[in-house]
């Protein structure tokens, strides 16, 4: 499991605020805030009285003559975490900083907690199994409303994300093709979730739903039986080579399993996990990728078993994106399969080259 670095975020001592651009602390330069959408109607037909979208932001907005922000960058996390995943040092430091690809002096970066995660609305807030069913199309719509309604941004400099956030990036390019200067999906493919990717999701969902303590999602004490599945998911997103280096004995493997279970119990909730991993049911962008008009760079990893390149999915689809291309980061001593997505030092040079080829911010 790609685990959020809550200890790091605690040290950031962020201050919550509902002001349009959030409250910014002098020590960190990170702003934090919420946007609440009343009476939101999901595609399932269900409604939620108030959808809270939490975000953090770095940088200074640059505005055009009409007062509109022109340098906005949307950065989206994966399904197993919240914005802490893309604010962690291993992801942020190679990309965000003076002279780096996403310099806060020239970019205004928005890191949302996607619905169902972090401090945005989620089942564990109280509704539990009565929380509306949502899909990726709902999540992208909510991200769009955060950007356009709360921040007043009409065009983003860049939309990027990892894993689930990368999948959302593909959808952004399809649903809002004139909304961005560029797209950067990382460790994700523009194809329906099927095969092994679908199977592990269903194994996890079934483990939760058949847990005797689940009680139809209305438990009062966190169910534990499904936790036996979480180390299997963790194994799927890890590098076999790195696991082979780390786990050499029964004791080391057992300790690793306990670590995954303990961190899942500490950091998440069964309903939240169930909703997030079932939300991909409506993700099927392959037939529409030709609608993407912005320059797009897809970054993939050769040892990523969650998005196996041997299936040959990316080549025929990227060819349908007018300004699209992809790079495959080869496996090496520093790569960690799907989890390489948060080790930006390995692939930041591709981001820098891609962004340097864009026209100046208008």
Protein backbone atom coordinates (compact mmCIF):
# COMPACT_ATOMS: atom_id res chain seq x y z
CA UNK A 1 0.00 0.00 0.00
CA UNK A 2 1.25 3.48 -0.85
CA UNK A 3 1.03 4.95 2.62
CA UNK A 4 0.57 8.69 3.35
CA UNK A 5 3.29 10.34 5.40
CA UNK A 6 1.09 11.70 8.17
CA UNK A 7 4.09 12.41 10.37
CA UNK A 8 5.50 14.71 7.70
CA UNK A 9 2.19 16.49 7.29
CA UNK A 10 1.85 16.96 11.03
CA UNK A 11 5.17 18.76 11.02
CA UNK A 12 3.84 21.08 8.35
CA UNK A 13 1.36 22.47 10.93
CA UNK A 14 -1.15 23.50 8.34
CA UNK A 15 -3.97 25.85 9.33
CA UNK A 16 -7.51 25.17 8.02
CA UNK A 17 -9.42 28.06 6.50
CA UNK A 18 -12.32 28.55 4.11
CA UNK A 19 -10.90 31.68 2.46
CA UNK A 20 -10.78 31.47 -1.37
CA UNK A 21 -7.08 30.66 -1.47
CA UNK A 22 -6.81 29.19 2.01
CA UNK A 23 -4.67 30.28 4.92
CA UNK A 24 -0.93 30.17 4.36
CA UNK A 25 1.66 29.60 7.04
CA UNK A 26 4.91 31.51 6.77
CA UNK A 27 6.90 28.47 7.87
CA UNK A 28 5.73 26.11 5.13
CA UNK A 29 4.28 28.24 2.35
CA UNK A 30 1.42 25.73 2.17
CA UNK A 31 -2.13 27.04 2.22
CA UNK A 32 -5.09 24.93 3.27
CA UNK A 33 -8.82 25.34 2.86
CA UNK A 34 -12.21 23.82 2.10
CA UNK A 35 -14.84 24.33 -0.55
CA UNK A 36 -18.36 23.15 0.22
CA UNK A 37 -20.83 22.34 -2.56
CA UNK A 38 -24.44 22.18 -1.34
CA UNK A 39 -26.96 19.58 -2.56
CA UNK A 40 -24.58 17.79 -4.91
CA UNK A 41 -26.25 15.22 -7.14
CA UNK A 42 -24.18 12.19 -8.10
CA UNK A 43 -24.63 10.26 -11.32
CA UNK A 44 -26.24 7.49 -9.28
CA UNK A 45 -29.11 9.90 -8.61
CA UNK A 46 -28.20 10.18 -4.92
CA UNK A 47 -27.48 13.54 -3.35
CA UNK A 48 -25.30 14.77 -0.51
CA UNK A 49 -26.41 17.86 1.36
CA UNK A 50 -22.91 19.31 1.56
CA UNK A 51 -19.86 17.98 -0.26
CA UNK A 52 -16.68 19.21 1.43
CA UNK A 53 -13.60 19.37 -0.77
CA UNK A 54 -10.40 19.92 1.16
CA UNK A 55 -7.22 21.14 -0.50
CA UNK A 56 -3.72 22.37 0.09
CA UNK A 57 -1.93 24.82 -2.18
CA UNK A 58 1.60 26.06 -2.80
CA UNK A 59 2.73 29.09 -4.77
CA UNK A 60 1.44 32.50 -5.78
CA UNK A 61 -1.36 32.89 -8.31
CA UNK A 62 -0.46 34.86 -11.43
CA UNK A 63 -3.49 36.65 -12.81
CA UNK A 64 -4.29 37.98 -16.26
CA UNK A 65 -5.84 41.36 -17.05
CA UNK A 66 -9.27 40.00 -16.16
CA UNK A 67 -8.04 38.82 -12.76
CA UNK A 68 -8.14 35.12 -13.66
CA UNK A 69 -5.44 32.76 -12.36
CA UNK A 70 -3.32 31.58 -15.31
CA UNK A 71 -0.62 29.48 -13.64
CA UNK A 72 -2.74 26.89 -11.80
CA UNK A 73 -1.52 23.29 -11.57
CA UNK A 74 -3.83 20.52 -10.34
CA UNK A 75 -1.94 17.65 -8.66
CA UNK A 76 -3.99 14.54 -7.78
CA UNK A 77 -3.16 11.63 -5.50
CA UNK A 78 -3.82 7.89 -5.80
CA UNK A 79 -6.71 5.83 -4.45
CA UNK A 80 -4.88 4.47 -1.41
CA UNK A 81 -4.11 7.86 0.14
CA UNK A 82 -4.90 11.55 0.24
CA UNK A 83 -3.03 14.71 -0.80
CA UNK A 84 -0.31 13.79 1.69
CA UNK A 85 0.90 11.30 -0.90
CA UNK A 86 1.82 14.04 -3.39
CA UNK A 87 3.01 16.41 -0.68
CA UNK A 88 5.45 13.85 0.71
CA UNK A 89 9.10 14.81 0.34
CA UNK A 90 9.90 11.99 -2.11
CA UNK A 91 7.32 13.33 -4.56
CA UNK A 92 7.38 17.05 -3.85
CA UNK A 93 11.03 17.96 -3.44
CA UNK A 94 12.31 16.89 -6.90
CA UNK A 95 9.39 18.72 -8.57
CA UNK A 96 8.44 21.71 -6.42
CA UNK A 97 10.92 24.41 -5.48
CA UNK A 98 13.12 27.18 -6.88
CA UNK A 99 14.47 26.19 -10.27
CA UNK A 100 12.53 22.93 -10.31
CA UNK A 101 9.87 21.95 -12.88
CA UNK A 102 7.03 23.30 -10.72
CA UNK A 103 8.60 26.40 -9.21
CA UNK A 104 6.17 28.05 -6.74
CA UNK A 105 7.40 31.41 -7.99
CA UNK A 106 5.80 30.70 -11.35
CA UNK A 107 3.17 28.03 -10.57
CA UNK A 108 0.17 27.90 -8.26
CA UNK A 109 -0.21 24.25 -7.24
CA UNK A 110 -3.48 22.80 -5.93
CA UNK A 111 -3.41 19.47 -4.08
CA UNK A 112 -6.99 18.32 -3.37
CA UNK A 113 -8.06 15.54 -1.08
CA UNK A 114 -10.23 13.76 -3.61
CA UNK A 115 -13.75 12.94 -2.39
CA UNK A 116 -13.62 9.89 -0.12
CA UNK A 117 -10.14 10.64 1.19
CA UNK A 118 -8.36 12.85 3.68
CA UNK A 119 -10.42 15.74 4.98
CA UNK A 120 -12.86 15.81 2.09
CA UNK A 121 -16.29 14.23 2.55
CA UNK A 122 -16.13 10.45 2.99
CA UNK A 123 -18.26 7.58 4.34
CA UNK A 124 -16.51 7.47 7.71
CA UNK A 125 -17.68 11.01 8.47
CA UNK A 126 -20.94 9.46 9.64
CA UNK A 127 -23.05 8.22 6.74
CA UNK A 128 -21.05 4.99 6.42
CA UNK A 129 -22.89 2.71 3.94
CA UNK A 130 -25.50 5.41 3.32
CA UNK A 131 -22.88 7.60 1.64
CA UNK A 132 -23.81 8.08 -2.05
CA UNK A 133 -22.21 5.73 -4.53
CA UNK A 134 -19.71 7.65 -6.63
CA UNK A 135 -17.57 6.95 -9.67
CA UNK A 136 -14.57 8.55 -11.32
CA UNK A 137 -16.84 10.75 -13.46
CA UNK A 138 -18.28 12.23 -10.25
CA UNK A 139 -14.81 12.76 -8.82
CA UNK A 140 -13.54 14.58 -11.91
CA UNK A 141 -16.66 16.75 -11.93
CA UNK A 142 -16.05 17.70 -8.30
CA UNK A 143 -12.39 18.49 -9.03
CA UNK A 144 -13.55 20.67 -11.93
CA UNK A 145 -15.97 22.55 -9.69
CA UNK A 146 -13.27 23.12 -7.08
CA UNK A 147 -10.97 24.59 -9.71
CA UNK A 148 -13.53 26.70 -11.57
CA UNK A 149 -15.94 27.75 -8.83
CA UNK A 150 -13.71 28.06 -5.78
CA UNK A 151 -10.53 29.29 -7.44
CA UNK A 152 -12.18 30.93 -10.45
CA UNK A 153 -9.67 29.28 -12.80
CA UNK A 154 -10.77 29.07 -16.42
CA UNK A 155 -7.63 27.40 -17.74
CA UNK A 156 -5.01 25.38 -15.89
CA UNK A 157 -1.35 25.36 -16.78
CA UNK A 158 -1.13 21.63 -16.03
CA UNK A 159 -3.29 18.75 -14.85
CA UNK A 160 -1.31 15.85 -13.40
CA UNK A 161 -1.80 12.88 -11.10
CA UNK A 162 -0.55 9.48 -10.05
CA UNK A 163 -2.42 6.16 -10.25
CA UNK A 164 -6.10 7.10 -9.66
CA UNK A 165 -5.06 10.74 -10.08
CA UNK A 166 -3.46 9.80 -13.38
CA UNK A 167 -6.69 8.16 -14.49
CA UNK A 168 -8.51 11.35 -13.58
CA UNK A 169 -5.95 13.26 -15.65
CA UNK A 170 -6.94 11.27 -18.73
CA UNK A 171 -10.60 12.06 -18.02
CA UNK A 172 -9.84 15.77 -17.56
CA UNK A 173 -8.34 15.83 -21.04
CA UNK A 174 -11.45 14.18 -22.45
CA UNK A 175 -14.17 16.01 -20.51
CA UNK A 176 -12.53 19.45 -20.53
CA UNK A 177 -10.16 19.49 -23.52
CA UNK A 178 -9.83 23.29 -23.61
CA UNK A 179 -9.22 23.62 -19.89
CA UNK A 180 -5.46 23.06 -19.70
CA UNK A 181 -2.15 23.78 -21.38
CA UNK A 182 -0.85 20.26 -20.71
CA UNK A 183 -1.62 16.87 -19.17
CA UNK A 184 0.70 14.57 -17.23
CA UNK A 185 -0.83 11.21 -16.23
CA UNK A 186 1.61 9.06 -14.23
CA UNK A 187 1.41 5.30 -13.59
CA UNK A 188 -2.01 5.00 -15.22
CA UNK A 189 -3.51 3.78 -18.47
CA UNK A 190 -6.52 5.11 -20.42
CA UNK A 191 -8.27 1.74 -20.38
CA UNK A 192 -11.13 0.14 -18.51
CA UNK A 193 -10.18 -1.52 -15.23
CA UNK A 194 -10.26 -5.22 -16.04
CA UNK A 195 -8.17 -8.38 -15.80
CA UNK A 196 -5.85 -8.55 -12.82
CA UNK A 197 -6.44 -4.91 -11.90
CA UNK A 198 -10.17 -5.63 -11.64
CA UNK A 199 -9.65 -8.95 -9.89
CA UNK A 200 -7.68 -7.60 -6.94
CA UNK A 201 -10.26 -4.86 -6.45
CA UNK A 202 -13.04 -7.44 -6.33
CA UNK A 203 -11.04 -9.65 -3.95
CA UNK A 204 -10.66 -6.66 -1.63
CA UNK A 205 -14.32 -5.66 -1.94
CA UNK A 206 -15.52 -9.18 -1.28
CA UNK A 207 -13.22 -9.51 1.72
CA UNK A 208 -14.78 -6.38 3.21
CA UNK A 209 -18.39 -7.23 2.35
CA UNK A 210 -18.15 -10.79 3.70
CA UNK A 211 -16.37 -9.80 6.91
CA UNK A 212 -18.75 -10.83 9.76
CA UNK A 213 -17.96 -7.56 11.54
CA UNK A 214 -18.83 -5.39 8.54
CA UNK A 215 -22.58 -5.39 9.32
CA UNK A 216 -23.52 -4.05 5.92
CA UNK A 217 -21.13 -1.15 6.41
CA UNK A 218 -22.77 0.02 9.63
CA UNK A 219 -20.13 -1.29 12.02
CA UNK A 220 -19.21 0.59 15.14
CA UNK A 221 -15.85 -1.13 15.54
CA UNK A 222 -13.48 -1.36 12.58
CA UNK A 223 -13.74 -4.86 11.02
CA UNK A 224 -10.43 -6.71 10.91
CA UNK A 225 -10.95 -9.81 8.78
CA UNK A 226 -10.47 -8.03 5.44
CA UNK A 227 -7.09 -6.78 6.64
CA UNK A 228 -5.59 -10.09 5.59
CA UNK A 229 -6.08 -8.90 2.01
CA UNK A 230 -4.30 -5.58 2.39
CA UNK A 231 -0.76 -7.04 2.37
CA UNK A 232 -1.62 -8.74 -0.93
CA UNK A 233 -2.54 -5.38 -2.44
CA UNK A 234 0.65 -3.91 -1.02
CA UNK A 235 2.61 -6.71 -2.66
CA UNK A 236 0.98 -5.97 -6.02
CA UNK A 237 2.17 -2.35 -6.05
CA UNK A 238 5.67 -3.19 -4.80
CA UNK A 239 8.74 -4.21 -6.76
CA UNK A 240 9.56 -7.95 -6.53
CA UNK A 241 13.23 -6.99 -6.56
CA UNK A 242 12.87 -4.55 -3.66
CA UNK A 243 10.77 -7.03 -1.65
CA UNK A 244 13.38 -9.69 -2.30
CA UNK A 245 16.05 -7.41 -0.86
CA UNK A 246 13.99 -6.51 2.19
CA UNK A 247 12.23 -9.74 3.16
CA UNK A 248 14.65 -12.63 3.59
CA UNK A 249 13.19 -14.48 6.55
CA UNK A 250 9.81 -15.54 7.95
CA UNK A 251 10.24 -13.02 10.74
CA UNK A 252 10.85 -10.15 8.31
CA UNK A 253 7.84 -11.11 6.18
CA UNK A 254 5.60 -11.46 9.24
CA UNK A 255 6.73 -8.07 10.52
CA UNK A 256 5.95 -6.54 7.15
CA UNK A 257 2.43 -7.99 7.16
CA UNK A 258 1.84 -6.62 10.66
CA UNK A 259 3.07 -3.19 9.57
CA UNK A 260 0.61 -3.04 6.66
CA UNK A 261 -2.29 -4.15 8.87
CA UNK A 262 -1.45 -1.73 11.66
CA UNK A 263 -1.07 1.22 9.32
CA UNK A 264 -4.36 0.40 7.58
CA UNK A 265 -6.15 0.39 10.93
CA UNK A 266 -4.47 3.62 12.01
CA UNK A 267 -4.94 5.56 8.80
CA UNK A 268 -8.10 4.36 7.08
CA UNK A 269 -11.57 2.89 7.34
CA UNK A 270 -13.14 -0.14 5.66
CA UNK A 271 -16.02 1.84 4.14
CA UNK A 272 -13.67 4.51 2.80
CA UNK A 273 -11.47 1.83 1.22
CA UNK A 274 -14.46 0.03 -0.27
CA UNK A 275 -15.92 3.18 -1.82
CA UNK A 276 -12.60 4.37 -3.22
CA UNK A 277 -11.63 1.12 -4.88
CA UNK A 278 -15.11 0.48 -6.28
CA UNK A 279 -15.29 4.00 -7.72
CA UNK A 280 -13.37 2.93 -10.83
CA UNK A 281 -16.45 1.07 -12.12
CA UNK A 282 -17.24 3.82 -14.66
CA UNK A 283 -13.68 4.44 -15.88
CA UNK A 284 -13.48 3.50 -19.57
CA UNK A 285 -11.86 6.34 -21.55
CA UNK A 286 -10.29 4.35 -24.40
CA UNK A 287 -12.92 5.19 -27.01
CA UNK A 288 -12.64 8.92 -26.30
CA UNK A 289 -8.90 9.63 -26.04
CA UNK A 290 -8.93 11.28 -29.47
CA UNK A 291 -10.87 14.16 -27.85
CA UNK A 292 -7.72 15.18 -25.97
CA UNK A 293 -6.18 18.23 -27.62
CA UNK A 294 -3.64 19.43 -25.03
CA UNK A 295 -0.05 18.18 -25.10
CA UNK A 296 0.10 15.01 -23.00
CA UNK A 297 2.99 13.04 -21.56
CA UNK A 298 2.19 9.69 -19.95
CA UNK A 299 4.91 8.38 -17.62
CA UNK A 300 4.90 4.63 -17.03
CA UNK A 301 7.22 2.23 -15.24
CA UNK A 302 8.58 -0.97 -16.74
CA UNK A 303 8.25 -2.93 -13.49
CA UNK A 304 4.73 -1.71 -12.65
CA UNK A 305 2.66 -4.88 -12.31
CA UNK A 306 -0.52 -2.91 -11.62
CA UNK A 307 -0.29 -1.46 -15.15
CA UNK A 308 1.57 -4.22 -16.99
CA UNK A 309 3.10 -2.97 -20.21
CA UNK A 310 3.04 -6.42 -21.79
CA UNK A 311 -0.69 -5.97 -22.38
CA UNK A 312 0.23 -3.43 -25.06
CA UNK A 313 -2.52 -0.98 -24.11
CA UNK A 314 -0.67 2.32 -24.31
CA UNK A 315 0.77 2.31 -27.84
CA UNK A 316 -2.45 2.20 -29.92
CA UNK A 317 -4.21 4.68 -27.64
CA UNK A 318 -1.46 7.26 -27.30
CA UNK A 319 -1.31 7.29 -31.11
CA UNK A 320 -4.87 8.66 -31.07
CA UNK A 321 -3.88 11.64 -28.92
CA UNK A 322 -2.88 14.39 -31.34
CA UNK A 323 -0.13 15.80 -29.10
CA UNK A 324 0.42 12.75 -26.93
CA UNK A 325 3.46 10.66 -26.20
CA UNK A 326 4.64 8.34 -23.46
CA UNK A 327 7.87 7.36 -21.77
CA UNK A 328 8.63 4.12 -19.96
CA UNK A 329 11.04 4.39 -17.05
CA UNK A 330 13.17 1.21 -17.09
CA UNK A 331 13.44 -0.95 -14.02
CA UNK A 332 16.57 -0.37 -11.99
CA UNK A 333 18.07 -0.43 -8.51
CA UNK A 334 16.07 2.65 -7.49
CA UNK A 335 12.67 1.79 -8.97
CA UNK A 336 9.87 0.36 -6.88
CA UNK A 337 7.29 -0.77 -9.46
CA UNK A 338 3.98 1.12 -9.11
CA UNK A 339 5.34 2.93 -6.07
CA UNK A 340 7.99 4.60 -8.25
CA UNK A 341 5.24 7.15 -8.85
CA UNK A 342 6.09 8.82 -5.53
CA UNK A 343 9.86 8.71 -6.16
CA UNK A 344 9.88 11.74 -8.41
CA UNK A 345 13.68 11.99 -8.46
CA UNK A 346 13.65 9.04 -10.87
CA UNK A 347 11.37 10.66 -13.46
CA UNK A 348 11.43 14.42 -12.74
CA UNK A 349 13.74 15.05 -15.70
CA UNK A 350 10.97 13.91 -18.06
CA UNK A 351 8.60 16.41 -16.44
CA UNK A 352 11.13 19.22 -16.77
CA UNK A 353 11.73 18.50 -20.45
CA UNK A 354 8.01 18.26 -21.16
CA UNK A 355 7.14 21.52 -19.44
CA UNK A 356 10.06 23.38 -21.00
CA UNK A 357 8.59 22.63 -24.42
CA UNK A 358 5.30 24.38 -23.63
CA UNK A 359 4.57 27.96 -24.70
CA UNK A 360 4.90 30.61 -21.96
CA UNK A 361 2.01 31.01 -19.55
CA UNK A 362 -0.48 33.35 -21.22
